[in-house]
Amino acid sequence: MVSTLAGSAGVTGSINATGTAASFDNSEGVAVDASGNVYIADTYNSVIREITSGGVVATLAGSVGVTGSTNGTGTAALFDLPTGVAVDSSGNVYVADSGNNQIREIAPGGVVTTWAGTGTAPGYDNAPRQIASFNNPSGIAIDASGTIYIADTGNNEIRKFFTGTQFIGTFAGQVGVPGSANGTGTAASFNAPTGVAVDSSGNVYVADFGNNMIREITFGGVVSTLAGSGSPGNTNATGTAASFNGPWGVAVDASSNVYVADEENNLIREIGPGGMVSTLAGKGSPGAHNGAAISAMFYSPMGVAVDSSGNIYIGDTLNQLIREITP
């Protein structure tokens, strides 16, 4: 069943309130913590919002409509078009601050610091995290050991934070070279990767937006195509016989089922074991209908997250809604 967790369909704004009394402006990234709190990259408002399990929306950090890269607490901090969010087991929230070419960290209490990236301009430097550089990072994921993966969209790479050395390095992809080659590390290629997720075994899943594919990267950096033919479409099938149209966000559950915000198809897709792709929710045409998943409607969904109970949260971007799909 699909329902609205927060927001009012078609209403753009920045109101903090409960449920449908709240408003958003083109929210993209979504993450959920172990307590059921949902974190939203409210992109066009340039803020990070938090939604409690009861649907109460508040601004965690950032000043509505004011862009910048200021560190501080709560509304004293500034972001520039934040796109992706992830949360660790201690409640620290990590933000792919796309317009600043940085990764920001929000500690409990709303204290914002720059976690990685110089932010001076788009760039590509593998280095200790404080002096590394990025080009329009859009997606971020963190595993149980604190390893962070970043979809570095403008560089066509997946970057990795190595906890032992505190170093940002290339996990897979060729900097500045769009492509769809499978291989190990820099022998592989991506085309504007946006979403990234990691499972309990260290396998990383990538929404390879420009290729209309979902890619998988093993812990050792071996890249393969999990699903998608490379041509836009909405075919349900296995592996490369399936098709997507602008997949933006990905999430993975404890059973390694992968969920995809298939943005330009207005669908939420599921990839089961063996690469079998099915439509989880949505009719394919834009709309804001709640109800049974098969009859529900979305409008350019971009963010997706899943909790330990199997509840799925969607950044339904052009509807200005945060939706929930319950098992």
C-alpha atoms as a PDB file:
ATOM      1  CA  MET A   1       0.000   0.000   0.000  1.00  0.00           C
ATOM      2  CA  VAL A   2       1.196   3.493  -0.888  1.00  0.00           C
ATOM      3  CA  SER A   3       0.446   6.458   1.387  1.00  0.00           C
ATOM      4  CA  THR A   4       1.669  10.015   1.916  1.00  0.00           C
ATOM      5  CA  LEU A   5       4.029  10.408   4.868  1.00  0.00           C
ATOM      6  CA  ALA A   6       4.407  14.178   4.475  1.00  0.00           C
ATOM      7  CA  GLY A   7       3.701  16.986   2.054  1.00  0.00           C
ATOM      8  CA  SER A   8       0.752  18.204   0.003  1.00  0.00           C
ATOM      9  CA  ALA A   9       0.572  17.141  -3.641  1.00  0.00           C
ATOM     10  CA  GLY A  10       1.616  19.924  -6.002  1.00  0.00           C
ATOM     11  CA  VAL A  11       2.233  22.428  -3.188  1.00  0.00           C
ATOM     12  CA  THR A  12       5.757  23.850  -3.117  1.00  0.00           C
ATOM     13  CA  GLY A  13       7.012  25.327   0.142  1.00  0.00           C
ATOM     14  CA  SER A  14       9.096  24.865   3.274  1.00  0.00           C
ATOM     15  CA  ILE A  15       6.507  24.556   6.032  1.00  0.00           C
ATOM     16  CA  ASN A  16       7.398  22.444   9.060  1.00  0.00           C
ATOM     17  CA  ALA A  17       4.291  20.667  10.315  1.00  0.00           C
ATOM     18  CA  THR A  18       2.752  17.210  10.535  1.00  0.00           C
ATOM     19  CA  GLY A  19       1.894  15.087   7.525  1.00  0.00           C
ATOM     20  CA  THR A  20       0.085  16.852   4.697  1.00  0.00           C
ATOM     21  CA  ALA A  21       0.383  20.260   6.431  1.00  0.00           C
ATOM     22  CA  ALA A  22       4.141  20.231   5.692  1.00  0.00           C
ATOM     23  CA  SER A  23       5.628  21.249   2.344  1.00  0.00           C
ATOM     24  CA  PHE A  24       8.791  20.620   0.316  1.00  0.00           C
ATOM     25  CA  ASP A  25      10.517  21.924  -2.803  1.00  0.00           C
ATOM     26  CA  ASN A  26      11.776  19.182  -5.117  1.00  0.00           C
ATOM     27  CA  SER A  27      13.089  16.794  -2.488  1.00  0.00           C
ATOM     28  CA  GLU A  28      15.465  14.195  -3.896  1.00  0.00           C
ATOM     29  CA  GLY A  29      17.508  12.077  -1.467  1.00  0.00           C
ATOM     30  CA  VAL A  30      15.922   9.996   1.309  1.00  0.00           C
ATOM     31  CA  ALA A  31      17.436   8.006   4.197  1.00  0.00           C
ATOM     32  CA  VAL A  32      15.974   6.297   7.266  1.00  0.00           C
ATOM     33  CA  ASP A  33      17.551   5.463  10.628  1.00  0.00           C
ATOM     34  CA  ALA A  34      17.005   2.517  12.971  1.00  0.00           C
ATOM     35  CA  SER A  35      14.332   4.438  14.916  1.00  0.00           C
ATOM     36  CA  GLY A  36      12.258   5.153  11.813  1.00  0.00           C
ATOM     37  CA  ASN A  37      13.222   8.805  11.455  1.00  0.00           C
ATOM     38  CA  VAL A  38      13.408   9.809   7.803  1.00  0.00           C
ATOM     39  CA  TYR A  39      15.942  12.343   6.481  1.00  0.00           C
ATOM     40  CA  ILE A  40      15.260  14.342   3.332  1.00  0.00           C
ATOM     41  CA  ALA A  41      17.535  16.300   1.031  1.00  0.00           C
ATOM     42  CA  ASP A  42      15.052  19.105   0.309  1.00  0.00           C
ATOM     43  CA  THR A  43      17.013  20.121  -2.727  1.00  0.00           C
ATOM     44  CA  TYR A  44      15.530  23.363  -3.982  1.00  0.00           C
ATOM     45  CA  ASN A  45      15.047  24.655  -0.435  1.00  0.00           C
ATOM     46  CA  SER A  46      18.750  23.863   0.216  1.00  0.00           C
ATOM     47  CA  VAL A  47      17.935  22.321   3.587  1.00  0.00           C
ATOM     48  CA  ILE A  48      17.948  18.903   5.238  1.00  0.00           C
ATOM     49  CA  ARG A  49      14.610  17.962   6.779  1.00  0.00           C
ATOM     50  CA  GLU A  50      13.756  15.284   9.335  1.00  0.00           C
ATOM     51  CA  ILE A  51      10.451  13.432   9.590  1.00  0.00           C
ATOM     52  CA  THR A  52       9.634  11.458  12.727  1.00  0.00           C
ATOM     53  CA  SER A  53       7.853   8.125  12.513  1.00  0.00           C
ATOM     54  CA  GLY A  54       4.679  10.072  13.373  1.00  0.00           C
ATOM     55  CA  GLY A  55       5.066  12.306  10.321  1.00  0.00           C
ATOM     56  CA  VAL A  56       6.271  15.451  12.121  1.00  0.00           C
ATOM     57  CA  VAL A  57       8.516  17.452   9.775  1.00  0.00           C
ATOM     58  CA  ALA A  58      11.299  19.733  11.038  1.00  0.00           C
ATOM     59  CA  THR A  59      14.352  21.414   9.539  1.00  0.00           C
ATOM     60  CA  LEU A  60      17.453  19.612  10.754  1.00  0.00           C
ATOM     61  CA  ALA A  61      19.947  22.005   9.146  1.00  0.00           C
ATOM     62  CA  GLY A  62      20.151  24.748   6.550  1.00  0.00           C
ATOM     63  CA  SER A  63      18.423  28.046   5.882  1.00  0.00           C
ATOM     64  CA  VAL A  64      15.500  27.901   3.461  1.00  0.00           C
ATOM     65  CA  GLY A  65      16.317  29.409   0.093  1.00  0.00           C
ATOM     66  CA  VAL A  66      19.777  30.604   1.136  1.00  0.00           C
ATOM     67  CA  THR A  67      22.677  28.827  -0.555  1.00  0.00           C
ATOM     68  CA  GLY A  68      26.237  28.629   0.713  1.00  0.00           C
ATOM     69  CA  SER A  69      28.739  26.339   2.401  1.00  0.00           C
ATOM     70  CA  THR A  70      28.691  27.715   5.937  1.00  0.00           C
ATOM     71  CA  ASN A  71      29.224  25.307   8.824  1.00  0.00           C
ATOM     72  CA  GLY A  72      27.222  25.835  11.992  1.00  0.00           C
ATOM     73  CA  THR A  73      24.296  24.507  13.965  1.00  0.00           C
ATOM     74  CA  GLY A  74      20.814  24.065  12.541  1.00  0.00           C
ATOM     75  CA  THR A  75      19.615  27.007  10.476  1.00  0.00           C
ATOM     76  CA  ALA A  76      22.975  28.786  10.861  1.00  0.00           C
ATOM     77  CA  ALA A  77      24.478  26.262   8.428  1.00  0.00           C
ATOM     78  CA  LEU A  78      24.121  26.591   4.655  1.00  0.00           C
ATOM     79  CA  PHE A  79      23.951  24.074   1.786  1.00  0.00           C
ATOM     80  CA  ASP A  80      23.738  24.426  -1.986  1.00  0.00           C
ATOM     81  CA  LEU A  81      21.318  22.041  -3.695  1.00  0.00           C
ATOM     82  CA  PRO A  82      21.844  19.015  -1.425  1.00  0.00           C
ATOM     83  CA  THR A  83      20.914  15.889  -3.345  1.00  0.00           C
ATOM     84  CA  GLY A  84      21.783  12.706  -1.436  1.00  0.00           C
ATOM     85  CA  VAL A  85      21.611  11.712   2.235  1.00  0.00           C
ATOM     86  CA  ALA A  86      22.727   8.744   4.328  1.00  0.00           C
ATOM     87  CA  VAL A  87      22.684   8.075   8.062  1.00  0.00           C
ATOM     88  CA  ASP A  88      25.053   5.952  10.152  1.00  0.00           C
ATOM     89  CA  SER A  89      24.372   3.834  13.229  1.00  0.00           C
ATOM     90  CA  SER A  90      25.257   6.732  15.540  1.00  0.00           C
ATOM     91  CA  GLY A  91      22.729   9.085  13.947  1.00  0.00           C
ATOM     92  CA  ASN A  92      25.226  11.155  11.980  1.00  0.00           C
ATOM     93  CA  VAL A  93      23.742  12.294   8.681  1.00  0.00           C
ATOM     94  CA  TYR A  94      25.962  12.617   5.603  1.00  0.00           C
ATOM     95  CA  VAL A  95      24.925  14.880   2.752  1.00  0.00           C
ATOM     96  CA  ALA A  96      25.985  14.927  -0.886  1.00  0.00           C
ATOM     97  CA  ASP A  97      26.016  18.711  -1.130  1.00  0.00           C
ATOM     98  CA  SER A  98      25.933  18.776  -4.888  1.00  0.00           C
ATOM     99  CA  GLY A  99      26.174  22.498  -5.578  1.00  0.00           C
ATOM    100  CA  ASN A 100      29.130  22.865  -3.219  1.00  0.00           C
ATOM    101  CA  ASN A 101      30.963  19.768  -4.534  1.00  0.00           C
ATOM    102  CA  GLN A 102      31.307  18.637  -0.930  1.00  0.00           C
ATOM    103  CA  ILE A 103      30.211  15.963   1.503  1.00  0.00           C
ATOM    104  CA  ARG A 104      28.820  17.488   4.697  1.00  0.00           C
ATOM    105  CA  GLU A 105      28.176  15.839   8.047  1.00  0.00           C
ATOM    106  CA  ILE A 106      25.353  16.660  10.455  1.00  0.00           C
ATOM    107  CA  ALA A 107      26.003  15.387  13.961  1.00  0.00           C
ATOM    108  CA  PRO A 108      23.198  14.817  16.480  1.00  0.00           C
ATOM    109  CA  GLY A 109      21.981  18.234  17.570  1.00  0.00           C
ATOM    110  CA  GLY A 110      22.209  19.601  14.038  1.00  0.00           C
ATOM    111  CA  VAL A 111      25.909  20.537  14.066  1.00  0.00           C
ATOM    112  CA  VAL A 112      27.109  20.786  10.449  1.00  0.00           C
ATOM    113  CA  THR A 113      30.714  20.395   9.352  1.00  0.00           C
ATOM    114  CA  THR A 114      32.400  19.818   6.003  1.00  0.00           C
ATOM    115  CA  TRP A 115      33.345  16.161   6.035  1.00  0.00           C
ATOM    116  CA  ALA A 116      35.070  15.999   2.636  1.00  0.00           C
ATOM    117  CA  GLY A 117      35.800  18.182  -0.370  1.00  0.00           C
ATOM    118  CA  THR A 118      37.433  21.552  -0.810  1.00  0.00           C
ATOM    119  CA  GLY A 119      34.313  22.991  -2.416  1.00  0.00           C
ATOM    120  CA  THR A 120      36.305  25.557  -4.319  1.00  0.00           C
ATOM    121  CA  ALA A 121      35.187  24.251  -7.728  1.00  0.00           C
ATOM    122  CA  PRO A 122      34.338  20.960  -9.417  1.00  0.00           C
ATOM    123  CA  GLY A 123      37.397  18.751  -9.446  1.00  0.00           C
ATOM    124  CA  TYR A 124      38.855  15.299  -9.089  1.00  0.00           C
ATOM    125  CA  ASP A 125      41.455  14.676  -6.453  1.00  0.00           C
ATOM    126  CA  ASN A 126      41.945  11.424  -4.572  1.00  0.00           C
ATOM    127  CA  ALA A 127      43.394  12.587  -1.289  1.00  0.00           C
ATOM    128  CA  PRO A 128      42.760  12.754   2.450  1.00  0.00           C
ATOM    129  CA  ARG A 129      39.096  13.621   2.753  1.00  0.00           C
ATOM    130  CA  GLN A 130      39.559  17.253   3.761  1.00  0.00           C
ATOM    131  CA  ILE A 131      41.428  18.065   0.530  1.00  0.00           C
ATOM    132  CA  ALA A 132      39.749  15.660  -1.881  1.00  0.00           C
ATOM    133  CA  SER A 133      37.552  17.135  -4.590  1.00  0.00           C
ATOM    134  CA  PHE A 134      34.326  16.125  -6.338  1.00  0.00           C
ATOM    135  CA  ASN A 135      32.196  17.109  -9.308  1.00  0.00           C
ATOM    136  CA  ASN A 136      28.472  17.298  -8.529  1.00  0.00           C
ATOM    137  CA  PRO A 137      28.243  14.390  -6.055  1.00  0.00           C
ATOM    138  CA  SER A 138      24.635  13.183  -6.028  1.00  0.00           C
ATOM    139  CA  GLY A 139      24.401   9.959  -4.037  1.00  0.00           C
ATOM    140  CA  ILE A 140      25.910   8.672  -0.812  1.00  0.00           C
ATOM    141  CA  ALA A 141      25.740   5.423   1.171  1.00  0.00           C
ATOM    142  CA  ILE A 142      27.427   4.128   4.314  1.00  0.00           C
ATOM    143  CA  ASP A 143      27.983   0.561   5.481  1.00  0.00           C
ATOM    144  CA  ALA A 144      28.016  -0.853   9.001  1.00  0.00           C
ATOM    145  CA  SER A 145      31.773  -0.343   9.367  1.00  0.00           C
ATOM    146  CA  GLY A 146      31.600   3.354   8.456  1.00  0.00           C
ATOM    147  CA  THR A 147      32.889   3.018   4.893  1.00  0.00           C
ATOM    148  CA  ILE A 148      31.273   5.700   2.729  1.00  0.00           C
ATOM    149  CA  TYR A 149      30.509   5.401  -0.981  1.00  0.00           C
ATOM    150  CA  ILE A 150      29.806   8.431  -3.163  1.00  0.00           C
ATOM    151  CA  ALA A 151      28.232   8.671  -6.599  1.00  0.00           C
ATOM    152  CA  ASP A 152      30.479  11.370  -8.055  1.00  0.00           C
ATOM    153  CA  THR A 153      28.123  12.180 -10.898  1.00  0.00           C
ATOM    154  CA  GLY A 154      30.082  14.751 -12.861  1.00  0.00           C
ATOM    155  CA  ASN A 155      33.225  12.620 -12.738  1.00  0.00           C
ATOM    156  CA  ASN A 156      31.383   9.423 -13.815  1.00  0.00           C
ATOM    157  CA  GLU A 157      32.872   7.588 -10.854  1.00  0.00           C
ATOM    158  CA  ILE A 158      32.035   5.833  -7.635  1.00  0.00           C
ATOM    159  CA  ARG A 159      34.378   7.074  -4.922  1.00  0.00           C
ATOM    160  CA  LYS A 160      35.134   5.349  -1.628  1.00  0.00           C
ATOM    161  CA  PHE A 161      36.252   6.543   1.786  1.00  0.00           C
ATOM    162  CA  PHE A 162      38.830   4.178   3.235  1.00  0.00           C
ATOM    163  CA  THR A 163      38.353   4.325   6.996  1.00  0.00           C
ATOM    164  CA  GLY A 164      41.848   3.078   7.862  1.00  0.00           C
ATOM    165  CA  THR A 165      43.701   5.764   5.894  1.00  0.00           C
ATOM    166  CA  GLN A 166      41.034   8.513   5.972  1.00  0.00           C
ATOM    167  CA  PHE A 167      41.562   8.698   2.212  1.00  0.00           C
ATOM    168  CA  ILE A 168      39.024   9.306  -0.574  1.00  0.00           C
ATOM    169  CA  GLY A 169      39.871   7.087  -3.531  1.00  0.00           C
ATOM    170  CA  THR A 170      38.343   5.752  -6.724  1.00  0.00           C
ATOM    171  CA  PHE A 171      36.337   2.582  -6.194  1.00  0.00           C
ATOM    172  CA  ALA A 172      35.206   2.149  -9.810  1.00  0.00           C
ATOM    173  CA  GLY A 173      34.932   4.129 -13.034  1.00  0.00           C
ATOM    174  CA  GLN A 174      37.115   6.262 -15.275  1.00  0.00           C
ATOM    175  CA  VAL A 175      37.227   9.944 -14.409  1.00  0.00           C
ATOM    176  CA  GLY A 176      35.500  12.065 -17.014  1.00  0.00           C
ATOM    177  CA  VAL A 177      34.950   9.099 -19.355  1.00  0.00           C
ATOM    178  CA  PRO A 178      31.279   8.142 -19.752  1.00  0.00           C
ATOM    179  CA  GLY A 179      30.612   4.553 -20.741  1.00  0.00           C
ATOM    180  CA  SER A 180      29.029   1.265 -19.717  1.00  0.00           C
ATOM    181  CA  ALA A 181      32.002  -1.093 -19.604  1.00  0.00           C
ATOM    182  CA  ASN A 182      32.046  -3.813 -16.980  1.00  0.00           C
ATOM    183  CA  GLY A 183      35.357  -4.623 -15.337  1.00  0.00           C
ATOM    184  CA  THR A 184      37.382  -4.079 -12.217  1.00  0.00           C
ATOM    185  CA  GLY A 185      37.995  -0.632 -10.733  1.00  0.00           C
ATOM    186  CA  THR A 186      39.044   1.912 -13.329  1.00  0.00           C
ATOM    187  CA  ALA A 187      38.520  -0.586 -16.162  1.00  0.00           C
ATOM    188  CA  ALA A 188      34.772  -0.112 -15.666  1.00  0.00           C
ATOM    189  CA  SER A 189      32.821   2.970 -16.740  1.00  0.00           C
ATOM    190  CA  PHE A 190      29.596   4.765 -15.792  1.00  0.00           C
ATOM    191  CA  ASN A 191      27.503   7.543 -17.278  1.00  0.00           C
ATOM    192  CA  ALA A 192      26.330  10.120 -14.711  1.00  0.00           C
ATOM    193  CA  PRO A 193      25.774   7.730 -11.780  1.00  0.00           C
ATOM    194  CA  THR A 194      23.367   9.220  -9.266  1.00  0.00           C
ATOM    195  CA  GLY A 195      22.155   6.826  -6.566  1.00  0.00           C
ATOM    196  CA  VAL A 196      24.258   4.411  -4.546  1.00  0.00           C
ATOM    197  CA  ALA A 197      23.441   1.791  -1.887  1.00  0.00           C
ATOM    198  CA  VAL A 198      25.446  -0.889  -0.054  1.00  0.00           C
ATOM    199  CA  ASP A 199      24.348  -4.235   1.393  1.00  0.00           C
ATOM    200  CA  SER A 200      25.585  -6.119   4.462  1.00  0.00           C
ATOM    201  CA  SER A 201      28.152  -8.039   2.378  1.00  0.00           C
ATOM    202  CA  GLY A 202      29.739  -4.872   0.999  1.00  0.00           C
ATOM    203  CA  ASN A 203      28.223  -5.105  -2.464  1.00  0.00           C
ATOM    204  CA  VAL A 204      27.443  -1.662  -3.865  1.00  0.00           C
ATOM    205  CA  TYR A 205      24.488  -0.909  -6.141  1.00  0.00           C
ATOM    206  CA  VAL A 206      24.546   2.065  -8.488  1.00  0.00           C
ATOM    207  CA  ALA A 207      21.768   3.859 -10.343  1.00  0.00           C
ATOM    208  CA  ASP A 208      23.662   4.482 -13.567  1.00  0.00           C
ATOM    209  CA  PHE A 209      21.331   7.228 -14.714  1.00  0.00           C
ATOM    210  CA  GLY A 210      22.824   8.034 -18.095  1.00  0.00           C
ATOM    211  CA  ASN A 211      23.048   4.365 -19.067  1.00  0.00           C
ATOM    212  CA  ASN A 212      19.530   3.428 -17.861  1.00  0.00           C
ATOM    213  CA  MET A 213      21.106   0.585 -15.908  1.00  0.00           C
ATOM    214  CA  ILE A 214      21.559  -0.686 -12.381  1.00  0.00           C
ATOM    215  CA  ARG A 215      25.163  -1.746 -11.809  1.00  0.00           C
ATOM    216  CA  GLU A 216      26.623  -3.880  -9.041  1.00  0.00           C
ATOM    217  CA  ILE A 217      30.132  -3.570  -7.603  1.00  0.00           C
ATOM    218  CA  THR A 218      31.545  -6.333  -5.439  1.00  0.00           C
ATOM    219  CA  PHE A 219      33.579  -5.572  -2.338  1.00  0.00           C
ATOM    220  CA  GLY A 220      36.671  -6.131  -4.493  1.00  0.00           C
ATOM    221  CA  GLY A 221      35.609  -3.528  -7.050  1.00  0.00           C
ATOM    222  CA  VAL A 222      34.349  -5.826  -9.818  1.00  0.00           C
ATOM    223  CA  VAL A 223      31.575  -4.050 -11.758  1.00  0.00           C
ATOM    224  CA  SER A 224      28.765  -5.870 -13.584  1.00  0.00           C
ATOM    225  CA  THR A 225      25.357  -4.915 -14.930  1.00  0.00           C
ATOM    226  CA  LEU A 226      22.689  -6.165 -12.550  1.00  0.00           C
ATOM    227  CA  ALA A 227      19.762  -5.063 -14.728  1.00  0.00           C
ATOM    228  CA  GLY A 228      18.948  -2.842 -17.675  1.00  0.00           C
ATOM    229  CA  SER A 229      19.485  -3.067 -21.404  1.00  0.00           C
ATOM    230  CA  GLY A 230      20.907   0.429 -21.717  1.00  0.00           C
ATOM    231  CA  SER A 231      17.969   1.648 -23.794  1.00  0.00           C
ATOM    232  CA  PRO A 232      15.132   3.582 -22.138  1.00  0.00           C
ATOM    233  CA  GLY A 233      12.017   1.523 -21.447  1.00  0.00           C
ATOM    234  CA  ASN A 234       9.943  -0.090 -18.708  1.00  0.00           C
ATOM    235  CA  THR A 235      10.209  -3.791 -19.492  1.00  0.00           C
ATOM    236  CA  ASN A 236      10.057  -6.213 -16.570  1.00  0.00           C
ATOM    237  CA  ALA A 237      12.427  -9.134 -17.179  1.00  0.00           C
ATOM    238  CA  THR A 238      15.691 -10.578 -15.935  1.00  0.00           C
ATOM    239  CA  GLY A 239      19.021  -8.781 -16.080  1.00  0.00           C
ATOM    240  CA  THR A 240      19.814  -6.984 -19.311  1.00  0.00           C
ATOM    241  CA  ALA A 241      16.459  -7.968 -20.824  1.00  0.00           C
ATOM    242  CA  ALA A 242      14.798  -5.474 -18.456  1.00  0.00           C
ATOM    243  CA  SER A 243      14.765  -1.728 -19.084  1.00  0.00           C
ATOM    244  CA  PHE A 244      14.642   1.506 -17.097  1.00  0.00           C
ATOM    245  CA  ASN A 245      14.246   5.165 -17.987  1.00  0.00           C
ATOM    246  CA  GLY A 246      16.385   7.518 -15.932  1.00  0.00           C
ATOM    247  CA  PRO A 247      16.853   5.473 -12.740  1.00  0.00           C
ATOM    248  CA  TRP A 248      17.921   7.946 -10.073  1.00  0.00           C
ATOM    249  CA  GLY A 249      17.847   6.421  -6.585  1.00  0.00           C
ATOM    250  CA  VAL A 250      18.569   2.924  -5.243  1.00  0.00           C
ATOM    251  CA  ALA A 251      18.139   1.164  -1.905  1.00  0.00           C
ATOM    252  CA  VAL A 252      18.767  -2.410  -0.769  1.00  0.00           C
ATOM    253  CA  ASP A 253      17.085  -4.428   1.975  1.00  0.00           C
ATOM    254  CA  ALA A 254      18.408  -7.152   4.275  1.00  0.00           C
ATOM    255  CA  SER A 255      17.556  -9.838   1.694  1.00  0.00           C
ATOM    256  CA  SER A 256      19.490  -7.986  -1.048  1.00  0.00           C
ATOM    257  CA  ASN A 257      16.338  -6.954  -2.902  1.00  0.00           C
ATOM    258  CA  VAL A 258      17.174  -3.706  -4.695  1.00  0.00           C
ATOM    259  CA  TYR A 259      14.609  -0.897  -5.025  1.00  0.00           C
ATOM    260  CA  VAL A 260      14.883   1.662  -7.803  1.00  0.00           C
ATOM    261  CA  ALA A 261      13.312   5.103  -8.159  1.00  0.00           C
ATOM    262  CA  ASP A 262      12.769   4.868 -11.925  1.00  0.00           C
ATOM    263  CA  GLU A 263      12.315   8.583 -12.351  1.00  0.00           C
ATOM    264  CA  GLU A 264      11.268   9.093 -15.950  1.00  0.00           C
ATOM    265  CA  ASN A 265       8.972   6.065 -15.854  1.00  0.00           C
ATOM    266  CA  ASN A 266       7.235   7.395 -12.711  1.00  0.00           C
ATOM    267  CA  LEU A 267       7.664   3.926 -11.183  1.00  0.00           C
ATOM    268  CA  ILE A 268       9.247   2.173  -8.236  1.00  0.00           C
ATOM    269  CA  ARG A 269      10.926  -1.005  -9.449  1.00  0.00           C
ATOM    270  CA  GLU A 270      12.257  -3.996  -7.542  1.00  0.00           C
ATOM    271  CA  ILE A 271      15.163  -6.230  -8.512  1.00  0.00           C
ATOM    272  CA  GLY A 272      15.041  -9.594  -6.791  1.00  0.00           C
ATOM    273  CA  PRO A 273      17.743 -12.230  -6.456  1.00  0.00           C
ATOM    274  CA  GLY A 274      19.002 -13.287  -9.850  1.00  0.00           C
ATOM    275  CA  GLY A 275      18.308  -9.870 -11.361  1.00  0.00           C
ATOM    276  CA  MET A 276      14.568 -10.313 -11.913  1.00  0.00           C
ATOM    277  CA  VAL A 277      13.005  -6.851 -12.356  1.00  0.00           C
ATOM    278  CA  SER A 278       9.362  -6.160 -11.502  1.00  0.00           C
ATOM    279  CA  THR A 279       7.238  -3.075 -10.915  1.00  0.00           C
ATOM    280  CA  LEU A 280       6.666  -2.626  -7.193  1.00  0.00           C
ATOM    281  CA  ALA A 281       4.453   0.460  -7.406  1.00  0.00           C
ATOM    282  CA  GLY A 282       3.144   2.952  -9.926  1.00  0.00           C
ATOM    283  CA  LYS A 283       1.163   2.967 -13.152  1.00  0.00           C
ATOM    284  CA  GLY A 284       3.795   4.731 -15.234  1.00  0.00           C
ATOM    285  CA  SER A 285       1.869   7.944 -15.820  1.00  0.00           C
ATOM    286  CA  PRO A 286       2.441  10.983 -13.570  1.00  0.00           C
ATOM    287  CA  GLY A 287       0.029  11.495 -10.690  1.00  0.00           C
ATOM    288  CA  ALA A 288      -0.289  11.482  -6.899  1.00  0.00           C
ATOM    289  CA  HIS A 289      -2.688   8.630  -6.220  1.00  0.00           C
ATOM    290  CA  ASN A 290      -2.390   6.589  -3.006  1.00  0.00           C
ATOM    291  CA  GLY A 291      -3.676   3.092  -2.431  1.00  0.00           C
ATOM    292  CA  ALA A 292      -2.726  -0.340  -3.693  1.00  0.00           C
ATOM    293  CA  ALA A 293       0.774  -0.283  -5.174  1.00  0.00           C
ATOM    294  CA  ILE A 294      -0.426  -1.399  -8.615  1.00  0.00           C
ATOM    295  CA  SER A 295      -2.814   1.560  -8.894  1.00  0.00           C
ATOM    296  CA  ALA A 296      -0.678   4.205  -7.138  1.00  0.00           C
ATOM    297  CA  MET A 297       0.876   7.059  -9.104  1.00  0.00           C
ATOM    298  CA  PHE A 298       4.121   9.028  -8.729  1.00  0.00           C
ATOM    299  CA  TYR A 299       5.655  12.014 -10.495  1.00  0.00           C
ATOM    300  CA  SER A 300       9.407  11.845 -11.129  1.00  0.00           C
ATOM    301  CA  PRO A 301      10.380   9.912  -7.984  1.00  0.00           C
ATOM    302  CA  MET A 302      14.102  10.329  -7.284  1.00  0.00           C
ATOM    303  CA  GLY A 303      14.868   9.169  -3.743  1.00  0.00           C
ATOM    304  CA  VAL A 304      14.303   5.762  -2.172  1.00  0.00           C
ATOM    305  CA  ALA A 305      15.170   4.210   1.197  1.00  0.00           C
ATOM    306  CA  VAL A 306      14.102   1.051   3.024  1.00  0.00           C
ATOM    307  CA  ASP A 307      13.949   0.333   6.751  1.00  0.00           C
ATOM    308  CA  SER A 308      14.526  -2.910   8.655  1.00  0.00           C
ATOM    309  CA  SER A 309      10.797  -3.739   8.560  1.00  0.00           C
ATOM    310  CA  GLY A 310      10.610  -3.461   4.797  1.00  0.00           C
ATOM    311  CA  ASN A 311       8.854  -0.096   4.699  1.00  0.00           C
ATOM    312  CA  ILE A 312      10.013   1.907   1.677  1.00  0.00           C
ATOM    313  CA  TYR A 313      10.242   5.701   1.611  1.00  0.00           C
ATOM    314  CA  ILE A 314      10.110   7.659  -1.632  1.00  0.00           C
ATOM    315  CA  GLY A 315      11.145  11.202  -2.480  1.00  0.00           C
ATOM    316  CA  ASP A 316       8.298  11.835  -4.923  1.00  0.00           C
ATOM    317  CA  THR A 317      10.054  14.849  -6.301  1.00  0.00           C
ATOM    318  CA  LEU A 318       7.675  16.694  -8.610  1.00  0.00           C
ATOM    319  CA  ASN A 319       4.653  15.839  -6.474  1.00  0.00           C
ATOM    320  CA  GLN A 320       6.428  17.608  -3.564  1.00  0.00           C
ATOM    321  CA  LEU A 321       5.668  14.572  -1.401  1.00  0.00           C
ATOM    322  CA  ILE A 322       7.390  11.990   0.731  1.00  0.00           C
ATOM    323  CA  ARG A 323       5.565   8.715   0.161  1.00  0.00           C
ATOM    324  CA  GLU A 324       5.655   5.419   2.047  1.00  0.00           C
ATOM    325  CA  ILE A 325       5.128   1.916   0.704  1.00  0.00           C
ATOM    326  CA  THR A 326       4.229  -0.637   3.377  1.00  0.00           C
ATOM    327  CA  PRO A 327       4.567  -4.390   2.841  1.00  0.00           C
END
